[in-house]
Amino acid sequence: MARVFIPQPMRKLTDGKIDVQIPGKNLREVIDNLEKAFPGAADYILKDGELKPGLAAIVGEQATRQGMLHKIDDDATEVHFLPAIAGG
């Protein structure tokens, strides 16, 4: 089960909740289940079935490099969706 932190723009979908517990074995399942629990959530996170450009998924303490297939551990992994930061 993942502890998903809800970005401010999505909190209107979650009745103001800052975080929610969502089941899933990988990031795709977590997002699918988040959408089932809070319709419209996937529109904020996905475009054409993948993470929106400019949005990063942080699983645990690292930005995912495996995308939607990133494994979610059984021990309450934290998931954050944040604007991607680029620079040089």
PDB file of N, CA and C in Angstrom:
ATOM      1  N   MET A   1       0.853  -1.175   0.000  1.00  0.00           N
ATOM      2  CA  MET A   1       0.000   0.000   0.000  1.00  0.00           C
ATOM      3  C   MET A   1       0.894   1.232   0.000  1.00  0.00           C
ATOM      4  N   ALA A   2       0.546   2.188  -0.817  1.00  0.00           N
ATOM      5  CA  ALA A   2       1.325   3.411  -0.931  1.00  0.00           C
ATOM      6  C   ALA A   2       0.638   4.551  -0.197  1.00  0.00           C
ATOM      7  N   ARG A   3       1.433   5.374   0.419  1.00  0.00           N
ATOM      8  CA  ARG A   3       0.944   6.626   0.998  1.00  0.00           C
ATOM      9  C   ARG A   3       1.184   7.697  -0.063  1.00  0.00           C
ATOM     10  N   VAL A   4       0.116   8.131  -0.711  1.00  0.00           N
ATOM     11  CA  VAL A   4       0.221   9.085  -1.809  1.00  0.00           C
ATOM     12  C   VAL A   4      -0.045  10.486  -1.271  1.00  0.00           C
ATOM     13  N   PHE A   5       0.929  11.362  -1.454  1.00  0.00           N
ATOM     14  CA  PHE A   5       0.776  12.753  -1.058  1.00  0.00           C
ATOM     15  C   PHE A   5       0.091  13.501  -2.194  1.00  0.00           C
ATOM     16  N   ILE A   6      -0.965  14.214  -1.866  1.00  0.00           N
ATOM     17  CA  ILE A   6      -1.811  14.855  -2.861  1.00  0.00           C
ATOM     18  C   ILE A   6      -1.343  16.282  -3.099  1.00  0.00           C
ATOM     19  N   PRO A   7      -0.967  16.617  -4.344  1.00  0.00           N
ATOM     20  CA  PRO A   7      -0.574  17.994  -4.653  1.00  0.00           C
ATOM     21  C   PRO A   7      -1.754  18.950  -4.435  1.00  0.00           C
ATOM     22  N   GLN A   8      -1.457  20.166  -4.084  1.00  0.00           N
ATOM     23  CA  GLN A   8      -2.487  21.159  -3.784  1.00  0.00           C
ATOM     24  C   GLN A   8      -3.592  21.237  -4.843  1.00  0.00           C
ATOM     25  N   PRO A   9      -3.279  21.278  -6.145  1.00  0.00           N
ATOM     26  CA  PRO A   9      -4.355  21.380  -7.134  1.00  0.00           C
ATOM     27  C   PRO A   9      -5.306  20.184  -7.161  1.00  0.00           C
ATOM     28  N   MET A  10      -4.872  19.028  -6.655  1.00  0.00           N
ATOM     29  CA  MET A  10      -5.710  17.822  -6.659  1.00  0.00           C
ATOM     30  C   MET A  10      -6.553  17.675  -5.400  1.00  0.00           C
ATOM     31  N   ARG A  11      -6.290  18.473  -4.390  1.00  0.00           N
ATOM     32  CA  ARG A  11      -6.960  18.282  -3.099  1.00  0.00           C
ATOM     33  C   ARG A  11      -8.454  18.535  -3.165  1.00  0.00           C
ATOM     34  N   LYS A  12      -8.916  19.260  -4.171  1.00  0.00           N
ATOM     35  CA  LYS A  12     -10.363  19.447  -4.318  1.00  0.00           C
ATOM     36  C   LYS A  12     -11.041  18.112  -4.649  1.00  0.00           C
ATOM     37  N   LEU A  13     -10.289  17.174  -5.237  1.00  0.00           N
ATOM     38  CA  LEU A  13     -10.812  15.850  -5.563  1.00  0.00           C
ATOM     39  C   LEU A  13     -10.836  14.921  -4.356  1.00  0.00           C
ATOM     40  N   THR A  14      -9.992  15.207  -3.374  1.00  0.00           N
ATOM     41  CA  THR A  14      -9.849  14.329  -2.214  1.00  0.00           C
ATOM     42  C   THR A  14     -10.458  14.937  -0.953  1.00  0.00           C
ATOM     43  N   ASP A  15     -11.360  15.874  -1.119  1.00  0.00           N
ATOM     44  CA  ASP A  15     -11.990  16.561   0.019  1.00  0.00           C
ATOM     45  C   ASP A  15     -10.952  17.194   0.940  1.00  0.00           C
ATOM     46  N   GLY A  16      -9.878  17.707   0.338  1.00  0.00           N
ATOM     47  CA  GLY A  16      -8.853  18.414   1.090  1.00  0.00           C
ATOM     48  C   GLY A  16      -7.812  17.541   1.752  1.00  0.00           C
ATOM     49  N   LYS A  17      -7.880  16.230   1.561  1.00  0.00           N
ATOM     50  CA  LYS A  17      -6.895  15.339   2.182  1.00  0.00           C
ATOM     51  C   LYS A  17      -5.511  15.606   1.610  1.00  0.00           C
ATOM     52  N   ILE A  18      -4.536  15.617   2.494  1.00  0.00           N
ATOM     53  CA  ILE A  18      -3.146  15.856   2.107  1.00  0.00           C
ATOM     54  C   ILE A  18      -2.489  14.572   1.622  1.00  0.00           C
ATOM     55  N   ASP A  19      -2.872  13.434   2.215  1.00  0.00           N
ATOM     56  CA  ASP A  19      -2.346  12.145   1.774  1.00  0.00           C
ATOM     57  C   ASP A  19      -3.423  11.084   1.930  1.00  0.00           C
ATOM     58  N   VAL A  20      -3.285  10.030   1.131  1.00  0.00           N
ATOM     59  CA  VAL A  20      -4.244   8.925   1.147  1.00  0.00           C
ATOM     60  C   VAL A  20      -3.490   7.608   0.990  1.00  0.00           C
ATOM     61  N   GLN A  21      -4.055   6.532   1.512  1.00  0.00           N
ATOM     62  CA  GLN A  21      -3.478   5.194   1.362  1.00  0.00           C
ATOM     63  C   GLN A  21      -4.118   4.541   0.139  1.00  0.00           C
ATOM     64  N   ILE A  22      -3.289   4.147  -0.827  1.00  0.00           N
ATOM     65  CA  ILE A  22      -3.778   3.578  -2.080  1.00  0.00           C
ATOM     66  C   ILE A  22      -3.018   2.279  -2.364  1.00  0.00           C
ATOM     67  N   PRO A  23      -3.736   1.180  -2.647  1.00  0.00           N
ATOM     68  CA  PRO A  23      -3.056  -0.080  -2.958  1.00  0.00           C
ATOM     69  C   PRO A  23      -2.509  -0.089  -4.386  1.00  0.00           C
ATOM     70  N   GLY A  24      -1.497  -0.914  -4.600  1.00  0.00           N
ATOM     71  CA  GLY A  24      -0.936  -1.105  -5.930  1.00  0.00           C
ATOM     72  C   GLY A  24       0.445  -1.715  -5.844  1.00  0.00           C
ATOM     73  N   LYS A  25       0.757  -2.567  -6.829  1.00  0.00           N
ATOM     74  CA  LYS A  25       2.064  -3.227  -6.861  1.00  0.00           C
ATOM     75  C   LYS A  25       3.103  -2.418  -7.630  1.00  0.00           C
ATOM     76  N   ASN A  26       2.613  -1.498  -8.478  1.00  0.00           N
ATOM     77  CA  ASN A  26       3.516  -0.616  -9.210  1.00  0.00           C
ATOM     78  C   ASN A  26       2.832   0.743  -9.354  1.00  0.00           C
ATOM     79  N   LEU A  27       3.550   1.708  -9.897  1.00  0.00           N
ATOM     80  CA  LEU A  27       3.040   3.066  -9.984  1.00  0.00           C
ATOM     81  C   LEU A  27       1.762   3.134 -10.820  1.00  0.00           C
ATOM     82  N   ARG A  28       1.680   2.362 -11.892  1.00  0.00           N
ATOM     83  CA  ARG A  28       0.467   2.361 -12.728  1.00  0.00           C
ATOM     84  C   ARG A  28      -0.752   1.915 -11.925  1.00  0.00           C
ATOM     85  N   GLU A  29      -0.621   0.848 -11.141  1.00  0.00           N
ATOM     86  CA  GLU A  29      -1.738   0.368 -10.321  1.00  0.00           C
ATOM     87  C   GLU A  29      -2.135   1.397  -9.268  1.00  0.00           C
ATOM     88  N   VAL A  30      -1.150   2.048  -8.684  1.00  0.00           N
ATOM     89  CA  VAL A  30      -1.450   3.076  -7.684  1.00  0.00           C
ATOM     90  C   VAL A  30      -2.247   4.211  -8.326  1.00  0.00           C
ATOM     91  N   ILE A  31      -1.825   4.670  -9.502  1.00  0.00           N
ATOM     92  CA  ILE A  31      -2.547   5.754 -10.175  1.00  0.00           C
ATOM     93  C   ILE A  31      -3.941   5.287 -10.591  1.00  0.00           C
ATOM     94  N   ASP A  32      -4.064   4.066 -11.101  1.00  0.00           N
ATOM     95  CA  ASP A  32      -5.381   3.532 -11.471  1.00  0.00           C
ATOM     96  C   ASP A  32      -6.306   3.482 -10.254  1.00  0.00           C
ATOM     97  N   ASN A  33      -5.791   3.026  -9.124  1.00  0.00           N
ATOM     98  CA  ASN A  33      -6.600   2.943  -7.912  1.00  0.00           C
ATOM     99  C   ASN A  33      -6.890   4.325  -7.323  1.00  0.00           C
ATOM    100  N   LEU A  34      -5.962   5.242  -7.484  1.00  0.00           N
ATOM    101  CA  LEU A  34      -6.205   6.627  -7.065  1.00  0.00           C
ATOM    102  C   LEU A  34      -7.351   7.217  -7.880  1.00  0.00           C
ATOM    103  N   GLU A  35      -7.374   6.925  -9.173  1.00  0.00           N
ATOM    104  CA  GLU A  35      -8.446   7.400 -10.051  1.00  0.00           C
ATOM    105  C   GLU A  35      -9.791   6.789  -9.652  1.00  0.00           C
ATOM    106  N   LYS A  36      -9.787   5.518  -9.290  1.00  0.00           N
ATOM    107  CA  LYS A  36     -11.038   4.872  -8.858  1.00  0.00           C
ATOM    108  C   LYS A  36     -11.570   5.508  -7.578  1.00  0.00           C
ATOM    109  N   ALA A  37     -10.666   5.807  -6.649  1.00  0.00           N
ATOM    110  CA  ALA A  37     -11.069   6.398  -5.375  1.00  0.00           C
ATOM    111  C   ALA A  37     -11.448   7.870  -5.520  1.00  0.00           C
ATOM    112  N   PHE A  38     -10.760   8.573  -6.432  1.00  0.00           N
ATOM    113  CA  PHE A  38     -10.960  10.009  -6.603  1.00  0.00           C
ATOM    114  C   PHE A  38     -10.994  10.336  -8.098  1.00  0.00           C
ATOM    115  N   PRO A  39     -12.158  10.156  -8.714  1.00  0.00           N
ATOM    116  CA  PRO A  39     -12.269  10.399 -10.161  1.00  0.00           C
ATOM    117  C   PRO A  39     -11.738  11.779 -10.557  1.00  0.00           C
ATOM    118  N   GLY A  40     -10.928  11.778 -11.610  1.00  0.00           N
ATOM    119  CA  GLY A  40     -10.310  13.008 -12.101  1.00  0.00           C
ATOM    120  C   GLY A  40      -8.852  13.132 -11.710  1.00  0.00           C
ATOM    121  N   ALA A  41      -8.394  12.310 -10.751  1.00  0.00           N
ATOM    122  CA  ALA A  41      -7.005  12.385 -10.299  1.00  0.00           C
ATOM    123  C   ALA A  41      -6.028  12.063 -11.423  1.00  0.00           C
ATOM    124  N   ALA A  42      -6.360  11.073 -12.243  1.00  0.00           N
ATOM    125  CA  ALA A  42      -5.456  10.664 -13.326  1.00  0.00           C
ATOM    126  C   ALA A  42      -5.286  11.778 -14.353  1.00  0.00           C
ATOM    127  N   ASP A  43      -6.293  12.622 -14.528  1.00  0.00           N
ATOM    128  CA  ASP A  43      -6.178  13.738 -15.474  1.00  0.00           C
ATOM    129  C   ASP A  43      -5.078  14.704 -15.067  1.00  0.00           C
ATOM    130  N   TYR A  44      -4.833  14.818 -13.770  1.00  0.00           N
ATOM    131  CA  TYR A  44      -3.770  15.689 -13.278  1.00  0.00           C
ATOM    132  C   TYR A  44      -2.390  15.066 -13.508  1.00  0.00           C
ATOM    133  N   ILE A  45      -2.321  13.730 -13.440  1.00  0.00           N
ATOM    134  CA  ILE A  45      -1.040  13.023 -13.433  1.00  0.00           C
ATOM    135  C   ILE A  45      -0.630  12.501 -14.807  1.00  0.00           C
ATOM    136  N   LEU A  46      -1.589  12.060 -15.623  1.00  0.00           N
ATOM    137  CA  LEU A  46      -1.284  11.343 -16.857  1.00  0.00           C
ATOM    138  C   LEU A  46      -1.684  12.093 -18.117  1.00  0.00           C
ATOM    139  N   LYS A  47      -0.936  11.797 -19.171  1.00  0.00           N
ATOM    140  CA  LYS A  47      -1.284  12.220 -20.522  1.00  0.00           C
ATOM    141  C   LYS A  47      -0.968  11.034 -21.425  1.00  0.00           C
ATOM    142  N   ASP A  48      -1.956  10.560 -22.153  1.00  0.00           N
ATOM    143  CA  ASP A  48      -1.794   9.405 -23.042  1.00  0.00           C
ATOM    144  C   ASP A  48      -1.239   8.185 -22.297  1.00  0.00           C
ATOM    145  N   GLY A  49      -1.679   7.993 -21.052  1.00  0.00           N
ATOM    146  CA  GLY A  49      -1.300   6.815 -20.290  1.00  0.00           C
ATOM    147  C   GLY A  49       0.067   6.862 -19.639  1.00  0.00           C
ATOM    148  N   GLU A  50       0.767   7.964 -19.768  1.00  0.00           N
ATOM    149  CA  GLU A  50       2.095   8.113 -19.164  1.00  0.00           C
ATOM    150  C   GLU A  50       2.114   9.375 -18.303  1.00  0.00           C
ATOM    151  N   LEU A  51       3.136   9.497 -17.449  1.00  0.00           N
ATOM    152  CA  LEU A  51       3.258  10.710 -16.647  1.00  0.00           C
ATOM    153  C   LEU A  51       3.309  11.929 -17.561  1.00  0.00           C
ATOM    154  N   LYS A  52       2.609  12.975 -17.171  1.00  0.00           N
ATOM    155  CA  LYS A  52       2.618  14.199 -17.970  1.00  0.00           C
ATOM    156  C   LYS A  52       4.035  14.750 -18.064  1.00  0.00           C
ATOM    157  N   PRO A  53       4.369  15.330 -19.213  1.00  0.00           N
ATOM    158  CA  PRO A  53       5.667  15.997 -19.317  1.00  0.00           C
ATOM    159  C   PRO A  53       5.751  17.100 -18.254  1.00  0.00           C
ATOM    160  N   GLY A  54       6.897  17.195 -17.625  1.00  0.00           N
ATOM    161  CA  GLY A  54       7.079  18.213 -16.603  1.00  0.00           C
ATOM    162  C   GLY A  54       6.622  17.779 -15.219  1.00  0.00           C
ATOM    163  N   LEU A  55       6.172  16.526 -15.089  1.00  0.00           N
ATOM    164  CA  LEU A  55       5.747  16.002 -13.796  1.00  0.00           C
ATOM    165  C   LEU A  55       6.633  14.816 -13.436  1.00  0.00           C
ATOM    166  N   ALA A  56       7.151  14.829 -12.227  1.00  0.00           N
ATOM    167  CA  ALA A  56       8.005  13.739 -11.763  1.00  0.00           C
ATOM    168  C   ALA A  56       7.276  12.938 -10.696  1.00  0.00           C
ATOM    169  N   ALA A  57       7.472  11.628 -10.718  1.00  0.00           N
ATOM    170  CA  ALA A  57       6.952  10.758  -9.669  1.00  0.00           C
ATOM    171  C   ALA A  57       8.114  10.396  -8.756  1.00  0.00           C
ATOM    172  N   ILE A  58       7.948  10.691  -7.486  1.00  0.00           N
ATOM    173  CA  ILE A  58       8.955  10.351  -6.492  1.00  0.00           C
ATOM    174  C   ILE A  58       8.403   9.169  -5.699  1.00  0.00           C
ATOM    175  N   VAL A  59       9.104   8.049  -5.754  1.00  0.00           N
ATOM    176  CA  VAL A  59       8.692   6.843  -5.042  1.00  0.00           C
ATOM    177  C   VAL A  59       9.752   6.573  -3.987  1.00  0.00           C
ATOM    178  N   GLY A  60       9.319   6.583  -2.742  1.00  0.00           N
ATOM    179  CA  GLY A  60      10.290   6.491  -1.658  1.00  0.00           C
ATOM    180  C   GLY A  60      11.054   7.798  -1.596  1.00  0.00           C
ATOM    181  N   GLU A  61      12.342   7.729  -1.834  1.00  0.00           N
ATOM    182  CA  GLU A  61      13.173   8.927  -1.757  1.00  0.00           C
ATOM    183  C   GLU A  61      13.792   9.311  -3.095  1.00  0.00           C
ATOM    184  N   GLN A  62      13.420   8.605  -4.178  1.00  0.00           N
ATOM    185  CA  GLN A  62      14.057   8.862  -5.464  1.00  0.00           C
ATOM    186  C   GLN A  62      13.033   9.054  -6.567  1.00  0.00           C
ATOM    187  N   ALA A  63      13.391   9.900  -7.523  1.00  0.00           N
ATOM    188  CA  ALA A  63      12.568  10.042  -8.722  1.00  0.00           C
ATOM    189  C   ALA A  63      12.618   8.728  -9.482  1.00  0.00           C
ATOM    190  N   THR A  64      11.471   8.266  -9.926  1.00  0.00           N
ATOM    191  CA  THR A  64      11.421   6.994 -10.620  1.00  0.00           C
ATOM    192  C   THR A  64      12.051   7.103 -12.001  1.00  0.00           C
ATOM    193  N   ARG A  65      12.844   6.108 -12.335  1.00  0.00           N
ATOM    194  CA  ARG A  65      13.420   6.014 -13.681  1.00  0.00           C
ATOM    195  C   ARG A  65      12.737   4.886 -14.447  1.00  0.00           C
ATOM    196  N   GLN A  66      11.860   4.160 -13.765  1.00  0.00           N
ATOM    197  CA  GLN A  66      11.157   3.044 -14.386  1.00  0.00           C
ATOM    198  C   GLN A  66       9.745   3.440 -14.804  1.00  0.00           C
ATOM    199  N   GLY A  67       9.394   4.686 -14.601  1.00  0.00           N
ATOM    200  CA  GLY A  67       8.083   5.160 -15.015  1.00  0.00           C
ATOM    201  C   GLY A  67       6.952   4.416 -14.335  1.00  0.00           C
ATOM    202  N   MET A  68       5.944   4.078 -15.118  1.00  0.00           N
ATOM    203  CA  MET A  68       4.727   3.484 -14.588  1.00  0.00           C
ATOM    204  C   MET A  68       4.934   2.081 -14.022  1.00  0.00           C
ATOM    205  N   LEU A  69       6.050   1.447 -14.344  1.00  0.00           N
ATOM    206  CA  LEU A  69       6.318   0.092 -13.859  1.00  0.00           C
ATOM    207  C   LEU A  69       7.104   0.066 -12.552  1.00  0.00           C
ATOM    208  N   HIS A  70       7.402   1.247 -12.013  1.00  0.00           N
ATOM    209  CA  HIS A  70       8.180   1.310 -10.776  1.00  0.00           C
ATOM    210  C   HIS A  70       7.451   0.528  -9.681  1.00  0.00           C
ATOM    211  N   LYS A  71       8.158  -0.408  -9.061  1.00  0.00           N
ATOM    212  CA  LYS A  71       7.582  -1.294  -8.051  1.00  0.00           C
ATOM    213  C   LYS A  71       7.263  -0.510  -6.774  1.00  0.00           C
ATOM    214  N   ILE A  72       6.123  -0.851  -6.184  1.00  0.00           N
ATOM    215  CA  ILE A  72       5.733  -0.279  -4.901  1.00  0.00           C
ATOM    216  C   ILE A  72       5.921  -1.367  -3.849  1.00  0.00           C
ATOM    217  N   ASP A  73       6.746  -1.097  -2.858  1.00  0.00           N
ATOM    218  CA  ASP A  73       6.997  -2.064  -1.789  1.00  0.00           C
ATOM    219  C   ASP A  73       5.773  -2.216  -0.908  1.00  0.00           C
ATOM    220  N   ASP A  74       5.715  -3.326  -0.213  1.00  0.00           N
ATOM    221  CA  ASP A  74       4.596  -3.595   0.685  1.00  0.00           C
ATOM    222  C   ASP A  74       4.636  -2.739   1.950  1.00  0.00           C
ATOM    223  N   ASP A  75       5.774  -2.137   2.239  1.00  0.00           N
ATOM    224  CA  ASP A  75       5.922  -1.418   3.512  1.00  0.00           C
ATOM    225  C   ASP A  75       5.610   0.071   3.386  1.00  0.00           C
ATOM    226  N   ALA A  76       4.424   0.384   2.913  1.00  0.00           N
ATOM    227  CA  ALA A  76       3.900   1.760   2.885  1.00  0.00           C
ATOM    228  C   ALA A  76       4.861   2.749   2.237  1.00  0.00           C
ATOM    229  N   THR A  77       5.172   2.519   0.990  1.00  0.00           N
ATOM    230  CA  THR A  77       6.014   3.425   0.221  1.00  0.00           C
ATOM    231  C   THR A  77       5.324   4.774   0.065  1.00  0.00           C
ATOM    232  N   GLU A  78       6.097   5.852   0.172  1.00  0.00           N
ATOM    233  CA  GLU A  78       5.557   7.181  -0.083  1.00  0.00           C
ATOM    234  C   GLU A  78       5.659   7.493  -1.572  1.00  0.00           C
ATOM    235  N   VAL A  79       4.608   8.114  -2.120  1.00  0.00           N
ATOM    236  CA  VAL A  79       4.600   8.524  -3.514  1.00  0.00           C
ATOM    237  C   VAL A  79       4.226  10.002  -3.564  1.00  0.00           C
ATOM    238  N   HIS A  80       5.048  10.779  -4.281  1.00  0.00           N
ATOM    239  CA  HIS A  80       4.799  12.202  -4.474  1.00  0.00           C
ATOM    240  C   HIS A  80       4.776  12.476  -5.970  1.00  0.00           C
ATOM    241  N   PHE A  81       3.922  13.380  -6.402  1.00  0.00           N
ATOM    242  CA  PHE A  81       3.910  13.866  -7.783  1.00  0.00           C
ATOM    243  C   PHE A  81       4.273  15.341  -7.753  1.00  0.00           C
ATOM    244  N   LEU A  82       5.441  15.670  -8.314  1.00  0.00           N
ATOM    245  CA  LEU A  82       5.967  17.015  -8.241  1.00  0.00           C
ATOM    246  C   LEU A  82       6.345  17.532  -9.616  1.00  0.00           C
ATOM    247  N   PRO A  83       6.315  18.861  -9.779  1.00  0.00           N
ATOM    248  CA  PRO A  83       6.816  19.411 -11.036  1.00  0.00           C
ATOM    249  C   PRO A  83       8.288  19.029 -11.199  1.00  0.00           C
ATOM    250  N   ALA A  84       8.636  18.542 -12.387  1.00  0.00           N
ATOM    251  CA  ALA A  84      10.029  18.168 -12.660  1.00  0.00           C
ATOM    252  C   ALA A  84      10.877  19.439 -12.671  1.00  0.00           C
ATOM    253  N   ILE A  85      12.070  19.312 -12.160  1.00  0.00           N
ATOM    254  CA  ILE A  85      12.984  20.453 -12.108  1.00  0.00           C
ATOM    255  C   ILE A  85      14.164  20.146 -13.007  1.00  0.00           C
ATOM    256  N   ALA A  86      14.447  21.059 -13.892  1.00  0.00           N
ATOM    257  CA  ALA A  86      15.595  20.900 -14.794  1.00  0.00           C
ATOM    258  C   ALA A  86      16.499  22.105 -14.619  1.00  0.00           C
ATOM    259  N   GLY A  87      17.707  21.927 -14.953  1.00  0.00           N
ATOM    260  CA  GLY A  87      18.633  23.046 -14.828  1.00  0.00           C
ATOM    261  C   GLY A  87      20.008  22.649 -15.304  1.00  0.00           C
ATOM    262  N   GLY A  88      20.885  23.566 -15.177  1.00  0.00           N
ATOM    263  CA  GLY A  88      22.228  23.268 -15.632  1.00  0.00           C
ATOM    264  C   GLY A  88      23.244  23.963 -14.828  1.00  0.00           C
TER     265      GLY A  88
END
